[in-house]
Amino acid sequence: MSFVFENRPRVYDDIIEAVDYYFTINPSLAVDFLDRIEEAKTKILNTPEGFEVKRPHIRTVLLKQFDYHIYYTIDGFQIIILAILHAQSGQEKIDEI
């Protein structure tokens, strides 16, 4: 089974916000953050149903090295990334998804 990713519009804002923050600390952290997103997406592709269910049909995977979660759902052959949120703010913002 071959899956494809689709990002909800807010995902880009989530990424930009985090990258901007990490860039102010150290530019290499911003690059590392983007690399960890790609690694997590590979994990999701390998086992899309293998991660924690936060809500009915919404799964989450924690980024390695960073305290951020990718929230996603599976719809047929699509993996829809709903948001990428910091662990502390994620519970509050999950209702907005």
C-alpha atoms as a PDB file:
ATOM      1  CA  MET A   1       0.000   0.000   0.000  1.00  0.00           C
ATOM      2  CA  SER A   2       1.437   3.337  -1.037  1.00  0.00           C
ATOM      3  CA  PHE A   3       0.469   6.403   0.972  1.00  0.00           C
ATOM      4  CA  VAL A   4       0.812  10.075   0.090  1.00  0.00           C
ATOM      5  CA  PHE A   5       0.961  13.034   2.455  1.00  0.00           C
ATOM      6  CA  GLU A   6      -1.355  15.997   2.441  1.00  0.00           C
ATOM      7  CA  ASN A   7      -0.782  18.961   4.760  1.00  0.00           C
ATOM      8  CA  ARG A   8      -3.594  21.055   6.135  1.00  0.00           C
ATOM      9  CA  PRO A   9      -2.876  24.792   5.666  1.00  0.00           C
ATOM     10  CA  ARG A  10      -2.112  25.366   9.375  1.00  0.00           C
ATOM     11  CA  VAL A  11       0.814  22.909   9.188  1.00  0.00           C
ATOM     12  CA  TYR A  12       2.900  25.425   7.264  1.00  0.00           C
ATOM     13  CA  ASP A  13       2.241  28.074   9.922  1.00  0.00           C
ATOM     14  CA  ASP A  14       3.158  25.585  12.664  1.00  0.00           C
ATOM     15  CA  ILE A  15       6.450  24.796  10.950  1.00  0.00           C
ATOM     16  CA  ILE A  16       7.321  28.432  10.279  1.00  0.00           C
ATOM     17  CA  GLU A  17       6.606  29.386  13.901  1.00  0.00           C
ATOM     18  CA  ALA A  18       8.856  26.621  15.266  1.00  0.00           C
ATOM     19  CA  VAL A  19      11.637  27.183  12.724  1.00  0.00           C
ATOM     20  CA  ASP A  20      11.671  30.917  13.457  1.00  0.00           C
ATOM     21  CA  TYR A  21      11.946  30.190  17.168  1.00  0.00           C
ATOM     22  CA  TYR A  22      14.776  27.665  16.809  1.00  0.00           C
ATOM     23  CA  PHE A  23      16.583  29.873  14.301  1.00  0.00           C
ATOM     24  CA  THR A  24      16.832  32.647  16.916  1.00  0.00           C
ATOM     25  CA  ILE A  25      18.526  30.194  19.263  1.00  0.00           C
ATOM     26  CA  ASN A  26      20.794  28.560  16.705  1.00  0.00           C
ATOM     27  CA  PRO A  27      20.269  28.250  12.928  1.00  0.00           C
ATOM     28  CA  SER A  28      21.385  24.633  12.975  1.00  0.00           C
ATOM     29  CA  LEU A  29      18.542  23.836  15.384  1.00  0.00           C
ATOM     30  CA  ALA A  30      16.066  25.063  12.796  1.00  0.00           C
ATOM     31  CA  VAL A  31      17.593  22.716  10.226  1.00  0.00           C
ATOM     32  CA  ASP A  32      17.546  19.851  12.738  1.00  0.00           C
ATOM     33  CA  PHE A  33      13.868  20.509  13.416  1.00  0.00           C
ATOM     34  CA  LEU A  34      13.033  20.198   9.724  1.00  0.00           C
ATOM     35  CA  ASP A  35      15.121  17.007   9.497  1.00  0.00           C
ATOM     36  CA  ARG A  36      13.226  15.483  12.444  1.00  0.00           C
ATOM     37  CA  ILE A  37       9.925  16.223  10.697  1.00  0.00           C
ATOM     38  CA  GLU A  38      11.113  14.311   7.639  1.00  0.00           C
ATOM     39  CA  GLU A  39      12.290  11.408   9.815  1.00  0.00           C
ATOM     40  CA  ALA A  40       8.925  11.273  11.568  1.00  0.00           C
ATOM     41  CA  LYS A  41       7.101  11.300   8.223  1.00  0.00           C
ATOM     42  CA  THR A  42       9.176   8.304   7.139  1.00  0.00           C
ATOM     43  CA  LYS A  43       8.182   6.486  10.338  1.00  0.00           C
ATOM     44  CA  ILE A  44       4.543   7.310   9.664  1.00  0.00           C
ATOM     45  CA  LEU A  45       4.813   5.957   6.110  1.00  0.00           C
ATOM     46  CA  ASN A  46       6.336   2.712   7.399  1.00  0.00           C
ATOM     47  CA  THR A  47       3.640   2.115  10.052  1.00  0.00           C
ATOM     48  CA  PRO A  48       0.814   4.633   9.659  1.00  0.00           C
ATOM     49  CA  GLU A  49      -1.416   2.933  12.202  1.00  0.00           C
ATOM     50  CA  GLY A  50       1.390   2.287  14.663  1.00  0.00           C
ATOM     51  CA  PHE A  51       1.206   5.494  16.667  1.00  0.00           C
ATOM     52  CA  GLU A  52      -0.847   6.705  19.604  1.00  0.00           C
ATOM     53  CA  VAL A  53      -4.459   7.654  19.012  1.00  0.00           C
ATOM     54  CA  LYS A  54      -5.232  10.972  20.730  1.00  0.00           C
ATOM     55  CA  ARG A  55      -8.799  11.254  19.502  1.00  0.00           C
ATOM     56  CA  PRO A  56     -10.908   9.061  17.296  1.00  0.00           C
ATOM     57  CA  HIS A  57      -8.993   8.830  14.017  1.00  0.00           C
ATOM     58  CA  ILE A  58      -6.289  11.333  15.058  1.00  0.00           C
ATOM     59  CA  ARG A  59      -2.852   9.890  15.700  1.00  0.00           C
ATOM     60  CA  THR A  60       0.309  11.529  16.938  1.00  0.00           C
ATOM     61  CA  VAL A  61       4.025  10.918  16.715  1.00  0.00           C
ATOM     62  CA  LEU A  62       6.631  12.715  18.821  1.00  0.00           C
ATOM     63  CA  LEU A  63       9.575  14.241  16.980  1.00  0.00           C
ATOM     64  CA  LYS A  64      12.958  12.925  18.002  1.00  0.00           C
ATOM     65  CA  GLN A  65      15.036  15.601  19.808  1.00  0.00           C
ATOM     66  CA  PHE A  66      12.171  18.118  19.903  1.00  0.00           C
ATOM     67  CA  ASP A  67       9.090  18.296  22.105  1.00  0.00           C
ATOM     68  CA  TYR A  68       6.710  18.537  19.142  1.00  0.00           C
ATOM     69  CA  HIS A  69       4.045  16.154  17.908  1.00  0.00           C
ATOM     70  CA  ILE A  70       2.800  15.571  14.398  1.00  0.00           C
ATOM     71  CA  TYR A  71      -0.974  15.092  14.472  1.00  0.00           C
ATOM     72  CA  TYR A  72      -2.354  13.166  11.531  1.00  0.00           C
ATOM     73  CA  THR A  73      -5.219  11.080  10.268  1.00  0.00           C
ATOM     74  CA  ILE A  74      -5.464   8.379   7.637  1.00  0.00           C
ATOM     75  CA  ASP A  75      -8.030   8.648   4.852  1.00  0.00           C
ATOM     76  CA  GLY A  76      -7.734   5.837   2.354  1.00  0.00           C
ATOM     77  CA  PHE A  77      -4.264   6.148   0.867  1.00  0.00           C
ATOM     78  CA  GLN A  78      -3.726   9.665   2.212  1.00  0.00           C
ATOM     79  CA  ILE A  79      -1.976  10.582   5.422  1.00  0.00           C
ATOM     80  CA  ILE A  80      -3.327  13.998   6.285  1.00  0.00           C
ATOM     81  CA  ILE A  81      -1.079  16.009   8.585  1.00  0.00           C
ATOM     82  CA  LEU A  82      -3.382  18.180  10.643  1.00  0.00           C
ATOM     83  CA  ALA A  83      -0.864  20.084  12.761  1.00  0.00           C
ATOM     84  CA  ILE A  84       2.638  20.092  14.223  1.00  0.00           C
ATOM     85  CA  LEU A  85       2.350  21.326  17.791  1.00  0.00           C
ATOM     86  CA  HIS A  86       4.533  21.720  20.842  1.00  0.00           C
ATOM     87  CA  ALA A  87       3.670  19.146  23.484  1.00  0.00           C
ATOM     88  CA  GLN A  88       2.650  21.773  26.045  1.00  0.00           C
ATOM     89  CA  SER A  89       0.394  23.785  23.758  1.00  0.00           C
ATOM     90  CA  GLY A  90      -0.811  20.837  21.727  1.00  0.00           C
ATOM     91  CA  GLN A  91      -3.578  19.779  24.091  1.00  0.00           C
ATOM     92  CA  GLU A  92      -5.079  23.266  24.008  1.00  0.00           C
ATOM     93  CA  LYS A  93      -4.745  23.635  20.254  1.00  0.00           C
ATOM     94  CA  ILE A  94      -5.908  20.119  19.407  1.00  0.00           C
ATOM     95  CA  ASP A  95      -9.502  21.354  19.662  1.00  0.00           C
ATOM     96  CA  GLU A  96      -8.783  23.742  16.799  1.00  0.00           C
ATOM     97  CA  ILE A  97      -7.855  20.900  14.469  1.00  0.00           C
END
